[in-house]
C-alpha atoms as a PDB file:
ATOM      1  CA  UNK A   1      22.472 -76.812 -44.012  1.00  0.00           C
ATOM      2  CA  UNK A   2      21.011 -78.429 -47.121  1.00  0.00           C
ATOM      3  CA  UNK A   3      20.573 -82.198 -47.398  1.00  0.00           C
ATOM      4  CA  UNK A   4      22.590 -83.978 -50.094  1.00  0.00           C
ATOM      5  CA  UNK A   5      20.656 -85.511 -52.994  1.00  0.00           C
ATOM      6  CA  UNK A   6      22.241 -88.477 -54.753  1.00  0.00           C
ATOM      7  CA  UNK A   7      21.201 -91.904 -55.910  1.00  0.00           C
ATOM      8  CA  UNK A   8      22.375 -94.723 -53.658  1.00  0.00           C
ATOM      9  CA  UNK A   9      24.852 -97.053 -55.341  1.00  0.00           C
ATOM     10  CA  UNK A  10      26.511-100.077 -53.786  1.00  0.00           C
ATOM     11  CA  UNK A  11      30.136 -99.827 -52.709  1.00  0.00           C
ATOM     12  CA  UNK A  12      31.821-102.918 -51.402  1.00  0.00           C
ATOM     13  CA  UNK A  13      32.930-103.265 -47.797  1.00  0.00           C
ATOM     14  CA  UNK A  14      34.826-106.463 -47.142  1.00  0.00           C
ATOM     15  CA  UNK A  15      32.801-108.349 -49.720  1.00  0.00           C
ATOM     16  CA  UNK A  16      29.389-106.725 -49.206  1.00  0.00           C
ATOM     17  CA  UNK A  17      27.702-103.520 -50.370  1.00  0.00           C
ATOM     18  CA  UNK A  18      27.569-100.648 -47.918  1.00  0.00           C
ATOM     19  CA  UNK A  19      24.058-100.141 -46.553  1.00  0.00           C
ATOM     20  CA  UNK A  20      23.716 -96.360 -46.847  1.00  0.00           C
ATOM     21  CA  UNK A  21      20.702 -94.052 -46.561  1.00  0.00           C
ATOM     22  CA  UNK A  22      19.078 -93.109 -49.898  1.00  0.00           C
ATOM     23  CA  UNK A  23      20.835 -89.731 -50.051  1.00  0.00           C
ATOM     24  CA  UNK A  24      24.321 -91.227 -50.251  1.00  0.00           C
ATOM     25  CA  UNK A  25      26.467 -93.027 -52.802  1.00  0.00           C
ATOM     26  CA  UNK A  26      29.853 -94.609 -52.118  1.00  0.00           C
ATOM     27  CA  UNK A  27      33.121 -95.019 -53.987  1.00  0.00           C
ATOM     28  CA  UNK A  28      36.113 -97.069 -52.870  1.00  0.00           C
ATOM     29  CA  UNK A  29      39.610 -95.561 -52.870  1.00  0.00           C
ATOM     30  CA  UNK A  30      42.744 -97.691 -53.013  1.00  0.00           C
ATOM     31  CA  UNK A  31      44.533 -96.076 -50.067  1.00  0.00           C
ATOM     32  CA  UNK A  32      43.313 -94.260 -46.991  1.00  0.00           C
ATOM     33  CA  UNK A  33      45.916 -91.523 -47.495  1.00  0.00           C
ATOM     34  CA  UNK A  34      44.219 -90.606 -50.789  1.00  0.00           C
ATOM     35  CA  UNK A  35      40.615 -90.504 -49.577  1.00  0.00           C
ATOM     36  CA  UNK A  36      40.457 -86.785 -48.789  1.00  0.00           C
ATOM     37  CA  UNK A  37      42.224 -85.724 -51.979  1.00  0.00           C
ATOM     38  CA  UNK A  38      40.072 -87.973 -54.156  1.00  0.00           C
ATOM     39  CA  UNK A  39      36.894 -86.591 -52.605  1.00  0.00           C
ATOM     40  CA  UNK A  40      38.092 -83.028 -53.192  1.00  0.00           C
ATOM     41  CA  UNK A  41      39.004 -83.920 -56.771  1.00  0.00           C
ATOM     42  CA  UNK A  42      35.449 -84.986 -57.595  1.00  0.00           C
ATOM     43  CA  UNK A  43      33.679 -82.449 -55.382  1.00  0.00           C
ATOM     44  CA  UNK A  44      30.898 -80.475 -57.058  1.00  0.00           C
ATOM     45  CA  UNK A  45      27.268 -79.657 -56.221  1.00  0.00           C
ATOM     46  CA  UNK A  46      26.060 -82.670 -58.211  1.00  0.00           C
ATOM     47  CA  UNK A  47      28.419 -84.934 -56.226  1.00  0.00           C
ATOM     48  CA  UNK A  48      26.830 -84.040 -52.882  1.00  0.00           C
ATOM     49  CA  UNK A  49      26.344 -87.147 -50.787  1.00  0.00           C
ATOM     50  CA  UNK A  50      29.241 -89.060 -52.348  1.00  0.00           C
ATOM     51  CA  UNK A  51      31.266 -90.979 -49.773  1.00  0.00           C
ATOM     52  CA  UNK A  52      34.818 -92.003 -50.662  1.00  0.00           C
ATOM     53  CA  UNK A  53      36.306 -94.647 -48.403  1.00  0.00           C
ATOM     54  CA  UNK A  54      39.278 -96.940 -47.835  1.00  0.00           C
ATOM     55  CA  UNK A  55      38.670 -99.174 -44.843  1.00  0.00           C
ATOM     56  CA  UNK A  56      41.384-101.824 -44.930  1.00  0.00           C
ATOM     57  CA  UNK A  57      44.868-101.347 -43.531  1.00  0.00           C
ATOM     58  CA  UNK A  58      46.086 -99.584 -40.420  1.00  0.00           C
ATOM     59  CA  UNK A  59      44.077 -96.372 -40.776  1.00  0.00           C
ATOM     60  CA  UNK A  60      40.519 -96.612 -42.129  1.00  0.00           C
ATOM     61  CA  UNK A  61      39.331 -93.364 -43.708  1.00  0.00           C
ATOM     62  CA  UNK A  62      36.251 -91.957 -45.367  1.00  0.00           C
ATOM     63  CA  UNK A  63      35.131 -88.609 -46.783  1.00  0.00           C
ATOM     64  CA  UNK A  64      31.798 -87.098 -47.755  1.00  0.00           C
ATOM     65  CA  UNK A  65      31.039 -84.353 -50.278  1.00  0.00           C
ATOM     66  CA  UNK A  66      28.584 -81.702 -49.070  1.00  0.00           C
ATOM     67  CA  UNK A  67      26.786 -78.911 -50.954  1.00  0.00           C
ATOM     68  CA  UNK A  68      26.064 -76.013 -48.578  1.00  0.00           C
ATOM     69  CA  UNK A  69      23.567 -73.280 -49.357  1.00  0.00           C
ATOM     70  CA  UNK A  70      24.942 -70.548 -47.122  1.00  0.00           C
ATOM     71  CA  UNK A  71      28.101 -68.397 -47.086  1.00  0.00           C
ATOM     72  CA  UNK A  72      31.402 -70.077 -46.304  1.00  0.00           C
ATOM     73  CA  UNK A  73      31.691 -68.136 -43.042  1.00  0.00           C
ATOM     74  CA  UNK A  74      28.748 -70.088 -41.623  1.00  0.00           C
ATOM     75  CA  UNK A  75      28.760 -73.148 -43.893  1.00  0.00           C
ATOM     76  CA  UNK A  76      32.005 -74.436 -42.404  1.00  0.00           C
ATOM     77  CA  UNK A  77      30.048 -75.117 -39.216  1.00  0.00           C
ATOM     78  CA  UNK A  78      29.122 -78.332 -41.041  1.00  0.00           C
ATOM     79  CA  UNK A  79      32.449 -79.546 -39.682  1.00  0.00           C
ATOM     80  CA  UNK A  80      31.056 -79.477 -36.147  1.00  0.00           C
ATOM     81  CA  UNK A  81      27.977 -81.442 -37.240  1.00  0.00           C
ATOM     82  CA  UNK A  82      30.159 -84.012 -38.997  1.00  0.00           C
ATOM     83  CA  UNK A  83      32.395 -84.396 -35.943  1.00  0.00           C
ATOM     84  CA  UNK A  84      29.319 -85.014 -33.786  1.00  0.00           C
ATOM     85  CA  UNK A  85      28.263 -87.708 -36.271  1.00  0.00           C
ATOM     86  CA  UNK A  86      31.759 -89.216 -36.235  1.00  0.00           C
ATOM     87  CA  UNK A  87      31.800 -89.344 -32.447  1.00  0.00           C
ATOM     88  CA  UNK A  88      28.386 -90.979 -32.314  1.00  0.00           C
ATOM     89  CA  UNK A  89      29.338 -93.517 -34.982  1.00  0.00           C
ATOM     90  CA  UNK A  90      32.498 -94.523 -33.137  1.00  0.00           C
ATOM     91  CA  UNK A  91      30.685 -94.532 -29.806  1.00  0.00           C
ATOM     92  CA  UNK A  92      27.950 -96.795 -31.172  1.00  0.00           C
ATOM     93  CA  UNK A  93      30.510 -99.537 -31.812  1.00  0.00           C
ATOM     94  CA  UNK A  94      32.763 -98.873 -28.820  1.00  0.00           C
ATOM     95  CA  UNK A  95      33.300-100.980 -25.715  1.00  0.00           C
ATOM     96  CA  UNK A  96      31.009 -99.741 -22.916  1.00  0.00           C
ATOM     97  CA  UNK A  97      31.760 -97.264 -20.155  1.00  0.00           C
ATOM     98  CA  UNK A  98      34.538 -95.421 -21.994  1.00  0.00           C
ATOM     99  CA  UNK A  99      33.989 -91.949 -23.370  1.00  0.00           C
ATOM    100  CA  UNK A 100      34.368 -90.486 -26.838  1.00  0.00           C
ATOM    101  CA  UNK A 101      35.732 -86.936 -26.598  1.00  0.00           C
ATOM    102  CA  UNK A 102      36.718 -84.071 -28.894  1.00  0.00           C
ATOM    103  CA  UNK A 103      39.807 -81.887 -28.668  1.00  0.00           C
ATOM    104  CA  UNK A 104      38.680 -78.718 -30.438  1.00  0.00           C
ATOM    105  CA  UNK A 105      38.244 -78.609 -33.243  1.00  0.00           C
ATOM    106  CA  UNK A 106      39.359 -81.727 -35.051  1.00  0.00           C
ATOM    107  CA  UNK A 107      40.756 -84.524 -32.862  1.00  0.00           C
ATOM    108  CA  UNK A 108      38.760 -87.563 -31.732  1.00  0.00           C
ATOM    109  CA  UNK A 109      39.692 -89.226 -28.449  1.00  0.00           C
ATOM    110  CA  UNK A 110      38.566 -92.458 -26.864  1.00  0.00           C
ATOM    111  CA  UNK A 111      39.424 -93.488 -23.325  1.00  0.00           C
ATOM    112  CA  UNK A 112      41.499 -90.275 -23.048  1.00  0.00           C
ATOM    113  CA  UNK A 113      43.748 -91.111 -26.021  1.00  0.00           C
ATOM    114  CA  UNK A 114      43.556 -89.795 -29.569  1.00  0.00           C
ATOM    115  CA  UNK A 115      42.297 -92.385 -32.058  1.00  0.00           C
ATOM    116  CA  UNK A 116      41.741 -90.174 -35.094  1.00  0.00           C
ATOM    117  CA  UNK A 117      40.185 -86.967 -36.283  1.00  0.00           C
ATOM    118  CA  UNK A 118      38.397 -85.026 -38.982  1.00  0.00           C
ATOM    119  CA  UNK A 119      39.273 -82.339 -41.508  1.00  0.00           C
ATOM    120  CA  UNK A 120      37.409 -79.978 -43.814  1.00  0.00           C
ATOM    121  CA  UNK A 121      38.220 -78.528 -47.237  1.00  0.00           C
ATOM    122  CA  UNK A 122      36.452 -76.053 -49.508  1.00  0.00           C
ATOM    123  CA  UNK A 123      37.323 -74.248 -52.776  1.00  0.00           C
ATOM    124  CA  UNK A 124      40.404 -72.132 -52.103  1.00  0.00           C
ATOM    125  CA  UNK A 125      39.059 -69.197 -54.119  1.00  0.00           C
ATOM    126  CA  UNK A 126      35.716 -68.972 -52.307  1.00  0.00           C
ATOM    127  CA  UNK A 127      35.205 -65.681 -50.410  1.00  0.00           C
ATOM    128  CA  UNK A 128      33.810 -65.823 -46.891  1.00  0.00           C
ATOM    129  CA  UNK A 129      30.582 -64.090 -47.948  1.00  0.00           C
ATOM    130  CA  UNK A 130      29.761 -66.502 -50.790  1.00  0.00           C
ATOM    131  CA  UNK A 131      28.405 -70.053 -50.643  1.00  0.00           C
ATOM    132  CA  UNK A 132      31.102 -72.573 -51.582  1.00  0.00           C
ATOM    133  CA  UNK A 133      30.291 -74.954 -54.432  1.00  0.00           C
ATOM    134  CA  UNK A 134      31.234 -77.814 -52.124  1.00  0.00           C
ATOM    135  CA  UNK A 135      32.687 -78.867 -48.801  1.00  0.00           C
ATOM    136  CA  UNK A 136      34.542 -82.102 -48.117  1.00  0.00           C
ATOM    137  CA  UNK A 137      34.636 -83.579 -44.628  1.00  0.00           C
ATOM    138  CA  UNK A 138      36.880 -86.551 -44.061  1.00  0.00           C
ATOM    139  CA  UNK A 139      37.801 -88.677 -41.078  1.00  0.00           C
ATOM    140  CA  UNK A 140      40.654 -91.064 -40.418  1.00  0.00           C
ATOM    141  CA  UNK A 141      40.955 -93.479 -37.496  1.00  0.00           C
ATOM    142  CA  UNK A 142      43.904 -95.359 -36.070  1.00  0.00           C
ATOM    143  CA  UNK A 143      42.894 -98.955 -36.648  1.00  0.00           C
ATOM    144  CA  UNK A 144      46.007-100.589 -35.243  1.00  0.00           C
ATOM    145  CA  UNK A 145      49.446 -99.614 -33.923  1.00  0.00           C
ATOM    146  CA  UNK A 146      51.035-103.015 -34.401  1.00  0.00           C
ATOM    147  CA  UNK A 147      53.849-101.549 -36.490  1.00  0.00           C
ATOM    148  CA  UNK A 148      54.377 -98.491 -34.289  1.00  0.00           C
ATOM    149  CA  UNK A 149      56.678-100.171 -31.777  1.00  0.00           C
ATOM    150  CA  UNK A 150      56.290-100.046 -28.009  1.00  0.00           C
ATOM    151  CA  UNK A 151      52.887 -98.475 -27.164  1.00  0.00           C
ATOM    152  CA  UNK A 152      54.583 -96.791 -24.215  1.00  0.00           C
ATOM    153  CA  UNK A 153      56.454 -94.580 -26.676  1.00  0.00           C
ATOM    154  CA  UNK A 154      53.210 -93.179 -28.107  1.00  0.00           C
ATOM    155  CA  UNK A 155      50.984 -92.809 -25.022  1.00  0.00           C
ATOM    156  CA  UNK A 156      48.903 -89.947 -26.419  1.00  0.00           C
ATOM    157  CA  UNK A 157      47.356 -92.163 -29.086  1.00  0.00           C
ATOM    158  CA  UNK A 158      45.521 -95.456 -29.129  1.00  0.00           C
ATOM    159  CA  UNK A 159      43.768 -97.567 -31.751  1.00  0.00           C
ATOM    160  CA  UNK A 160      40.515 -99.353 -32.361  1.00  0.00           C
ATOM    161  CA  UNK A 161      42.383-102.612 -31.825  1.00  0.00           C
ATOM    162  CA  UNK A 162      44.002-101.573 -28.535  1.00  0.00           C
ATOM    163  CA  UNK A 163      40.730-100.259 -27.142  1.00  0.00           C
ATOM    164  CA  UNK A 164      38.877-103.482 -27.797  1.00  0.00           C
ATOM    165  CA  UNK A 165      36.614-102.444 -30.667  1.00  0.00           C
ATOM    166  CA  UNK A 166      35.225-105.687 -32.035  1.00  0.00           C
ATOM    167  CA  UNK A 167      34.486-104.529 -35.579  1.00  0.00           C
ATOM    168  CA  UNK A 168      34.909-107.361 -38.037  1.00  0.00           C
ATOM    169  CA  UNK A 169      33.543-105.188 -40.853  1.00  0.00           C
ATOM    170  CA  UNK A 170      34.652-101.550 -40.745  1.00  0.00           C
ATOM    171  CA  UNK A 171      31.924-100.649 -43.204  1.00  0.00           C
ATOM    172  CA  UNK A 172      29.541-100.361 -40.263  1.00  0.00           C
ATOM    173  CA  UNK A 173      31.427 -97.240 -39.161  1.00  0.00           C
ATOM    174  CA  UNK A 174      30.693 -95.518 -42.475  1.00  0.00           C
ATOM    175  CA  UNK A 175      27.076 -96.651 -42.415  1.00  0.00           C
ATOM    176  CA  UNK A 176      26.636 -95.337 -38.882  1.00  0.00           C
ATOM    177  CA  UNK A 177      28.367 -92.070 -39.746  1.00  0.00           C
ATOM    178  CA  UNK A 178      26.021 -91.441 -42.679  1.00  0.00           C
ATOM    179  CA  UNK A 179      22.952 -91.987 -40.512  1.00  0.00           C
ATOM    180  CA  UNK A 180      24.239 -89.857 -37.648  1.00  0.00           C
ATOM    181  CA  UNK A 181      25.193 -87.113 -40.100  1.00  0.00           C
ATOM    182  CA  UNK A 182      21.615 -87.059 -41.378  1.00  0.00           C
ATOM    183  CA  UNK A 183      20.411 -86.811 -37.779  1.00  0.00           C
ATOM    184  CA  UNK A 184      22.792 -83.912 -37.095  1.00  0.00           C
ATOM    185  CA  UNK A 185      21.530 -82.081 -40.194  1.00  0.00           C
ATOM    186  CA  UNK A 186      17.938 -82.646 -39.085  1.00  0.00           C
ATOM    187  CA  UNK A 187      18.791 -81.252 -35.645  1.00  0.00           C
ATOM    188  CA  UNK A 188      20.448 -78.223 -37.240  1.00  0.00           C
ATOM    189  CA  UNK A 189      17.483 -77.559 -39.506  1.00  0.00           C
ATOM    190  CA  UNK A 190      14.906 -78.131 -36.770  1.00  0.00           C
ATOM    191  CA  UNK A 191      16.491 -76.649 -33.660  1.00  0.00           C
ATOM    192  CA  UNK A 192      19.266 -74.472 -35.027  1.00  0.00           C
ATOM    193  CA  UNK A 193      23.023 -74.898 -35.053  1.00  0.00           C
ATOM    194  CA  UNK A 194      23.149 -74.135 -31.339  1.00  0.00           C
ATOM    195  CA  UNK A 195      21.759 -77.617 -30.626  1.00  0.00           C
ATOM    196  CA  UNK A 196      24.532 -79.218 -32.689  1.00  0.00           C
ATOM    197  CA  UNK A 197      27.137 -77.038 -30.981  1.00  0.00           C
ATOM    198  CA  UNK A 198      25.791 -78.113 -27.584  1.00  0.00           C
ATOM    199  CA  UNK A 199      26.169 -81.790 -28.513  1.00  0.00           C
ATOM    200  CA  UNK A 200      29.785 -81.141 -29.514  1.00  0.00           C
ATOM    201  CA  UNK A 201      30.464 -79.075 -26.387  1.00  0.00           C
ATOM    202  CA  UNK A 202      29.171 -81.859 -24.151  1.00  0.00           C
ATOM    203  CA  UNK A 203      31.990 -84.092 -25.421  1.00  0.00           C
ATOM    204  CA  UNK A 204      34.859 -81.611 -25.263  1.00  0.00           C
ATOM    205  CA  UNK A 205      38.014 -82.667 -23.463  1.00  0.00           C
ATOM    206  CA  UNK A 206      37.965 -80.633 -20.231  1.00  0.00           C
ATOM    207  CA  UNK A 207      40.278 -77.632 -20.138  1.00  0.00           C
ATOM    208  CA  UNK A 208      43.389 -78.386 -18.066  1.00  0.00           C
ATOM    209  CA  UNK A 209      42.760 -75.324 -15.916  1.00  0.00           C
ATOM    210  CA  UNK A 210      39.183 -76.336 -15.247  1.00  0.00           C
ATOM    211  CA  UNK A 211      37.857 -73.304 -17.113  1.00  0.00           C
ATOM    212  CA  UNK A 212      34.404 -73.546 -18.622  1.00  0.00           C
ATOM    213  CA  UNK A 213      34.255 -73.820 -22.388  1.00  0.00           C
ATOM    214  CA  UNK A 214      31.732 -74.340 -25.143  1.00  0.00           C
ATOM    215  CA  UNK A 215      31.247 -73.979 -28.878  1.00  0.00           C
ATOM    216  CA  UNK A 216      29.008 -71.033 -29.724  1.00  0.00           C
ATOM    217  CA  UNK A 217      26.625 -70.349 -32.604  1.00  0.00           C
ATOM    218  CA  UNK A 218      29.519 -69.372 -34.893  1.00  0.00           C
ATOM    219  CA  UNK A 219      31.375 -72.646 -34.355  1.00  0.00           C
ATOM    220  CA  UNK A 220      34.134 -70.900 -32.394  1.00  0.00           C
ATOM    221  CA  UNK A 221      35.367 -72.237 -29.049  1.00  0.00           C
ATOM    222  CA  UNK A 222      34.814 -69.914 -26.085  1.00  0.00           C
ATOM    223  CA  UNK A 223      36.891 -70.516 -22.956  1.00  0.00           C
ATOM    224  CA  UNK A 224      36.707 -68.666 -19.654  1.00  0.00           C
ATOM    225  CA  UNK A 225      39.965 -66.710 -19.301  1.00  0.00           C
ATOM    226  CA  UNK A 226      40.399 -63.877 -16.811  1.00  0.00           C
ATOM    227  CA  UNK A 227      43.305 -62.533 -18.862  1.00  0.00           C
ATOM    228  CA  UNK A 228      41.282 -62.168 -22.059  1.00  0.00           C
ATOM    229  CA  UNK A 229      39.035 -59.227 -22.997  1.00  0.00           C
ATOM    230  CA  UNK A 230      35.669 -59.717 -21.342  1.00  0.00           C
ATOM    231  CA  UNK A 231      37.007 -62.771 -19.533  1.00  0.00           C
ATOM    232  CA  UNK A 232      36.495 -65.001 -22.585  1.00  0.00           C
ATOM    233  CA  UNK A 233      39.085 -66.360 -25.018  1.00  0.00           C
ATOM    234  CA  UNK A 234      37.790 -67.099 -28.520  1.00  0.00           C
ATOM    235  CA  UNK A 235      39.384 -69.714 -30.777  1.00  0.00           C
ATOM    236  CA  UNK A 236      38.164 -69.260 -34.347  1.00  0.00           C
ATOM    237  CA  UNK A 237      36.873 -72.309 -36.204  1.00  0.00           C
ATOM    238  CA  UNK A 238      38.061 -70.828 -39.512  1.00  0.00           C
ATOM    239  CA  UNK A 239      41.597 -70.360 -38.193  1.00  0.00           C
ATOM    240  CA  UNK A 240      41.943 -73.636 -36.310  1.00  0.00           C
ATOM    241  CA  UNK A 241      40.726 -75.690 -39.267  1.00  0.00           C
ATOM    242  CA  UNK A 242      43.690 -74.349 -41.218  1.00  0.00           C
ATOM    243  CA  UNK A 243      46.067 -76.671 -39.377  1.00  0.00           C
ATOM    244  CA  UNK A 244      44.973 -80.313 -39.033  1.00  0.00           C
ATOM    245  CA  UNK A 245      46.183 -81.059 -35.508  1.00  0.00           C
ATOM    246  CA  UNK A 246      46.159 -84.850 -35.714  1.00  0.00           C
ATOM    247  CA  UNK A 247      47.594 -85.362 -39.217  1.00  0.00           C
ATOM    248  CA  UNK A 248      51.202 -86.207 -40.058  1.00  0.00           C
ATOM    249  CA  UNK A 249      51.641 -84.221 -43.262  1.00  0.00           C
ATOM    250  CA  UNK A 250      54.640 -86.332 -44.295  1.00  0.00           C
ATOM    251  CA  UNK A 251      52.745 -89.609 -44.597  1.00  0.00           C
ATOM    252  CA  UNK A 252      49.102 -88.520 -44.669  1.00  0.00           C
ATOM    253  CA  UNK A 253      48.267 -90.579 -41.585  1.00  0.00           C
ATOM    254  CA  UNK A 254      47.422 -89.749 -37.978  1.00  0.00           C
ATOM    255  CA  UNK A 255      50.392 -88.713 -35.867  1.00  0.00           C
ATOM    256  CA  UNK A 256      51.330 -91.352 -33.317  1.00  0.00           C
END
């Protein structure tokens, strides 16, 4: 995966500029529900490294434009690297002794409850065998559920507020994500994608049946299954990314 190359510009986070690595620039969106679409709207090779964010309100969100240099079939594995970075960024600011987990491929859990997730877009007319002009990864977190009614009615989800995240300035999440994304890219380039896949696999929510599972070099999820050919069930990254599991399409926010 190729590193992004952009000039670093200041984007405000609660009254201060975001402190991003030199390869990134940031733009503020008005609403979190528009972050992904706005990033896709400006996506181009020369926009690589641009982060679009909206951090106030109930559901902070941010997106990053990427410029891959390999065919779409393998380039979309950048999603796994970005999810690893998202998990590490959230974990770095989390209360201790509670785990960050992934539900393959796109949901982020904390303390066994979903608190957000990631999604990936690319040009709709790009064939699998050609390099896409751009990728956009975005993440959205549940900041608070104050207006969601009785928490007992939505037990599968939680929020940064409920879980005791003491983050006065949500900009630190974006800053951490950018740095962990650079680390994930360095790992990919130095040790191969398998090392990134292993980091993701280590944080997978355990299969309910207790079956072993891991993400392989293609980005697909392999699960032990005696009823499947060869005893392994394969869930395709390309297919599963087509439906964003955590997103409420009606309001553009995480499902509660």
